[in-house]
């Protein structure tokens, strides 16, 4: 399927079709990489419970452990 825009040149259409083919290949490669990523075995244990600082009430920094930033579950966001 080829879409043509008004007043486009043949050179432009060739370049757009090449770009479209590249974008399709990029999507295929991204999915292949995502499959590899999902197949990775779990990594090792974190060697220590790292401490970070977060902004608490009134703009005061307070320490927070890495383990306190997570809850149980398989979909987490920090």
Protein backbone atom coordinates (compact mmCIF):
# COMPACT_ATOMS: atom_id res chain seq x y z
CA UNK A 1 0.00 0.00 0.00
CA UNK A 2 1.44 3.32 -1.00
CA UNK A 3 0.06 6.64 0.15
CA UNK A 4 0.86 9.61 -2.01
CA UNK A 5 0.67 13.21 -0.88
CA UNK A 6 -0.35 16.06 -3.20
CA UNK A 7 2.53 17.56 -5.18
CA UNK A 8 5.14 15.14 -3.81
CA UNK A 9 8.07 14.37 -6.06
CA UNK A 10 9.13 10.88 -7.06
CA UNK A 11 12.37 11.45 -5.12
CA UNK A 12 10.38 12.32 -1.99
CA UNK A 13 8.18 9.19 -2.35
CA UNK A 14 11.23 6.94 -2.72
CA UNK A 15 12.79 8.49 0.41
CA UNK A 16 9.53 8.17 2.39
CA UNK A 17 9.12 4.52 1.38
CA UNK A 18 12.72 3.81 2.42
CA UNK A 19 12.07 5.53 5.75
CA UNK A 20 8.91 3.47 6.27
CA UNK A 21 10.81 0.25 5.58
CA UNK A 22 13.50 1.30 8.09
CA UNK A 23 10.87 2.10 10.73
CA UNK A 24 9.21 -1.30 10.24
CA UNK A 25 12.58 -3.06 10.59
CA UNK A 26 13.35 -0.99 13.71
CA UNK A 27 10.09 -2.12 15.32
CA UNK A 28 10.91 -5.74 14.53
CA UNK A 29 14.38 -5.39 16.03
CA UNK A 30 13.03 -3.63 19.13
CA UNK A 31 10.61 -6.50 19.72
CA UNK A 32 13.41 -9.04 19.23
CA UNK A 33 15.50 -7.20 21.84
CA UNK A 34 12.50 -7.06 24.19
CA UNK A 35 12.10 -10.84 23.87
CA UNK A 36 15.77 -11.30 24.79
CA UNK A 37 15.34 -8.97 27.76
CA UNK A 38 12.31 -10.89 29.04
CA UNK A 39 14.27 -14.16 28.77
CA UNK A 40 17.15 -12.99 30.96
CA UNK A 41 17.56 -14.93 34.19
CA UNK A 42 17.14 -13.00 37.43
CA UNK A 43 20.15 -11.02 38.53
CA UNK A 44 22.04 -11.41 41.76
CA UNK A 45 21.12 -10.17 45.21
CA UNK A 46 21.73 -6.52 46.01
CA UNK A 47 24.85 -6.55 48.24
CA UNK A 48 23.47 -4.11 50.81
CA UNK A 49 20.35 -2.13 51.65
CA UNK A 50 21.47 1.18 50.12
CA UNK A 51 20.35 4.39 51.78
CA UNK A 52 19.09 7.36 49.74
CA UNK A 53 17.67 10.71 50.76
CA UNK A 54 14.18 11.90 49.94
CA UNK A 55 12.45 15.19 50.52
CA UNK A 56 10.06 14.93 53.45
CA UNK A 57 7.55 17.46 54.70
CA UNK A 58 8.75 21.06 54.86
CA UNK A 59 11.57 20.30 52.40
CA UNK A 60 13.70 18.42 54.92
CA UNK A 61 15.83 15.56 53.55
CA UNK A 62 15.44 12.24 55.31
CA UNK A 63 17.13 8.87 54.76
CA UNK A 64 15.20 6.03 53.13
CA UNK A 65 16.44 2.49 52.54
CA UNK A 66 16.20 0.90 49.10
CA UNK A 67 14.08 -1.90 50.56
CA UNK A 68 11.54 0.69 51.76
CA UNK A 69 10.96 1.88 48.18
CA UNK A 70 9.42 -1.43 47.08
CA UNK A 71 6.43 -3.53 47.94
CA UNK A 72 5.74 -7.12 46.98
CA UNK A 73 4.53 -7.57 43.43
CA UNK A 74 5.85 -7.93 39.93
CA UNK A 75 5.03 -4.46 38.62
CA UNK A 76 6.90 -1.78 40.50
CA UNK A 77 7.80 1.83 39.86
CA UNK A 78 10.28 3.91 41.80
